[in-house]
C-alpha atoms as a PDB file:
ATOM      1  CA  MET A   1     -22.942 -53.489 -19.531  1.00  0.00           C
ATOM      2  CA  ILE A   2     -25.644 -52.710 -16.980  1.00  0.00           C
ATOM      3  CA  ALA A   3     -25.117 -54.327 -13.602  1.00  0.00           C
ATOM      4  CA  GLU A   4     -28.095 -55.954 -11.937  1.00  0.00           C
ATOM      5  CA  PRO A   5     -28.925 -54.461  -8.523  1.00  0.00           C
ATOM      6  CA  LEU A   6     -28.184 -56.524  -5.434  1.00  0.00           C
ATOM      7  CA  LEU A   7     -30.955 -54.898  -3.408  1.00  0.00           C
ATOM      8  CA  LEU A   8     -34.462 -53.814  -4.370  1.00  0.00           C
ATOM      9  CA  ASP A   9     -36.695 -51.219  -2.759  1.00  0.00           C
ATOM     10  CA  ALA A  10     -40.443 -51.840  -2.436  1.00  0.00           C
ATOM     11  CA  ALA A  11     -41.206 -50.385  -5.863  1.00  0.00           C
ATOM     12  CA  GLY A  12     -38.544 -52.554  -7.516  1.00  0.00           C
ATOM     13  CA  LEU A  13     -39.664 -55.689  -5.699  1.00  0.00           C
ATOM     14  CA  ALA A  14     -43.299 -55.047  -6.600  1.00  0.00           C
ATOM     15  CA  ARG A  15     -42.314 -54.691 -10.271  1.00  0.00           C
ATOM     16  CA  LEU A  16     -40.240 -57.885 -10.107  1.00  0.00           C
ATOM     17  CA  LEU A  17     -43.161 -59.801  -8.581  1.00  0.00           C
ATOM     18  CA  SER A  18     -45.714 -58.172 -10.928  1.00  0.00           C
ATOM     19  CA  VAL A  19     -47.856 -56.827  -8.098  1.00  0.00           C
ATOM     20  CA  SER A  20     -48.745 -53.347  -6.892  1.00  0.00           C
ATOM     21  CA  ARG A  21     -46.806 -51.751  -4.052  1.00  0.00           C
ATOM     22  CA  SER A  22     -49.932 -51.819  -1.895  1.00  0.00           C
ATOM     23  CA  ALA A  23     -50.258 -55.581  -2.496  1.00  0.00           C
ATOM     24  CA  LEU A  24     -46.592 -56.009  -1.584  1.00  0.00           C
ATOM     25  CA  TYR A  25     -47.123 -54.109   1.683  1.00  0.00           C
ATOM     26  CA  GLN A  26     -50.160 -56.282   2.457  1.00  0.00           C
ATOM     27  CA  TRP A  27     -48.079 -59.397   1.808  1.00  0.00           C
ATOM     28  CA  LEU A  28     -45.318 -58.021   4.038  1.00  0.00           C
ATOM     29  CA  ALA A  29     -47.762 -57.288   6.864  1.00  0.00           C
ATOM     30  CA  SER A  30     -49.296 -60.764   6.601  1.00  0.00           C
ATOM     31  CA  GLY A  31     -45.930 -62.565   6.478  1.00  0.00           C
ATOM     32  CA  ARG A  32     -46.150 -63.745   2.870  1.00  0.00           C
ATOM     33  CA  VAL A  33     -42.798 -62.329   1.708  1.00  0.00           C
ATOM     34  CA  PRO A  34     -39.316 -62.506   3.217  1.00  0.00           C
ATOM     35  CA  SER A  35     -38.331 -59.721   5.572  1.00  0.00           C
ATOM     36  CA  PRO A  36     -36.336 -56.845   4.147  1.00  0.00           C
ATOM     37  CA  VAL A  37     -32.932 -55.760   5.371  1.00  0.00           C
ATOM     38  CA  LYS A  38     -32.798 -52.285   6.869  1.00  0.00           C
ATOM     39  CA  LEU A  39     -30.221 -49.758   5.753  1.00  0.00           C
ATOM     40  CA  GLY A  40     -30.907 -46.660   7.777  1.00  0.00           C
ATOM     41  CA  ARG A  41     -34.596 -45.965   7.228  1.00  0.00           C
ATOM     42  CA  ARG A  42     -34.725 -47.891   3.963  1.00  0.00           C
ATOM     43  CA  ALA A  43     -36.230 -51.360   3.679  1.00  0.00           C
ATOM     44  CA  LEU A  44     -34.519 -53.330   0.917  1.00  0.00           C
ATOM     45  CA  TRP A  45     -34.779 -56.916  -0.276  1.00  0.00           C
ATOM     46  CA  ARG A  46     -31.868 -59.034  -1.464  1.00  0.00           C
ATOM     47  CA  ILE A  47     -32.582 -60.035  -5.040  1.00  0.00           C
ATOM     48  CA  ASP A  48     -30.819 -63.401  -4.652  1.00  0.00           C
ATOM     49  CA  GLU A  49     -32.998 -64.261  -1.645  1.00  0.00           C
ATOM     50  CA  ILE A  50     -36.159 -63.248  -3.521  1.00  0.00           C
ATOM     51  CA  ARG A  51     -35.182 -65.478  -6.455  1.00  0.00           C
ATOM     52  CA  ARG A  52     -34.604 -68.447  -4.123  1.00  0.00           C
ATOM     53  CA  TRP A  53     -37.877 -67.722  -2.347  1.00  0.00           C
ATOM     54  CA  VAL A  54     -39.775 -67.766  -5.672  1.00  0.00           C
ATOM     55  CA  ALA A  55     -37.950 -70.944  -6.776  1.00  0.00           C
ATOM     56  CA  ALA A  56     -39.034 -72.562  -3.490  1.00  0.00           C
ATOM     57  CA  GLY A  57     -42.674 -71.806  -4.296  1.00  0.00           C
ATOM     58  CA  CYS A  58     -43.092 -68.534  -2.326  1.00  0.00           C
ATOM     59  CA  PRO A  59     -43.566 -70.099   1.115  1.00  0.00           C
ATOM     60  CA  PRO A  60     -44.824 -67.874   3.942  1.00  0.00           C
ATOM     61  CA  ARG A  61     -42.145 -66.150   6.004  1.00  0.00           C
ATOM     62  CA  SER A  62     -42.788 -68.538   8.912  1.00  0.00           C
ATOM     63  CA  ARG A  63     -41.597 -71.480   6.756  1.00  0.00           C
ATOM     64  CA  TRP A  64     -38.972 -69.634   4.711  1.00  0.00           C
ATOM     65  CA  LYS A  65     -35.393 -70.322   5.680  1.00  0.00           C
ATOM     66  CA  PRO A  66     -33.189 -67.561   4.261  1.00  0.00           C
ATOM     67  CA  PRO A  67     -30.020 -68.805   2.593  1.00  0.00           C
ATOM     68  CA  PRO A  68     -26.894 -68.706   4.737  1.00  0.00           C
ATOM     69  CA  PHE A  69     -24.613 -65.787   4.013  1.00  0.00           C
END
């Protein structure tokens, strides 16, 4: 059994969203995707938050309310 990751790096998130990494970074800079969490120097996205964000219609970060943890 292969466990699904809880966190995705930029390459993994870009693959999940079917976009290039450069497009993902443009979306991040323009506020179109949720903010990553920082672990040291790494920027990682919570896969459960990304799924909820997509289910909500991919609202801009300014309107996105992350789920309570």
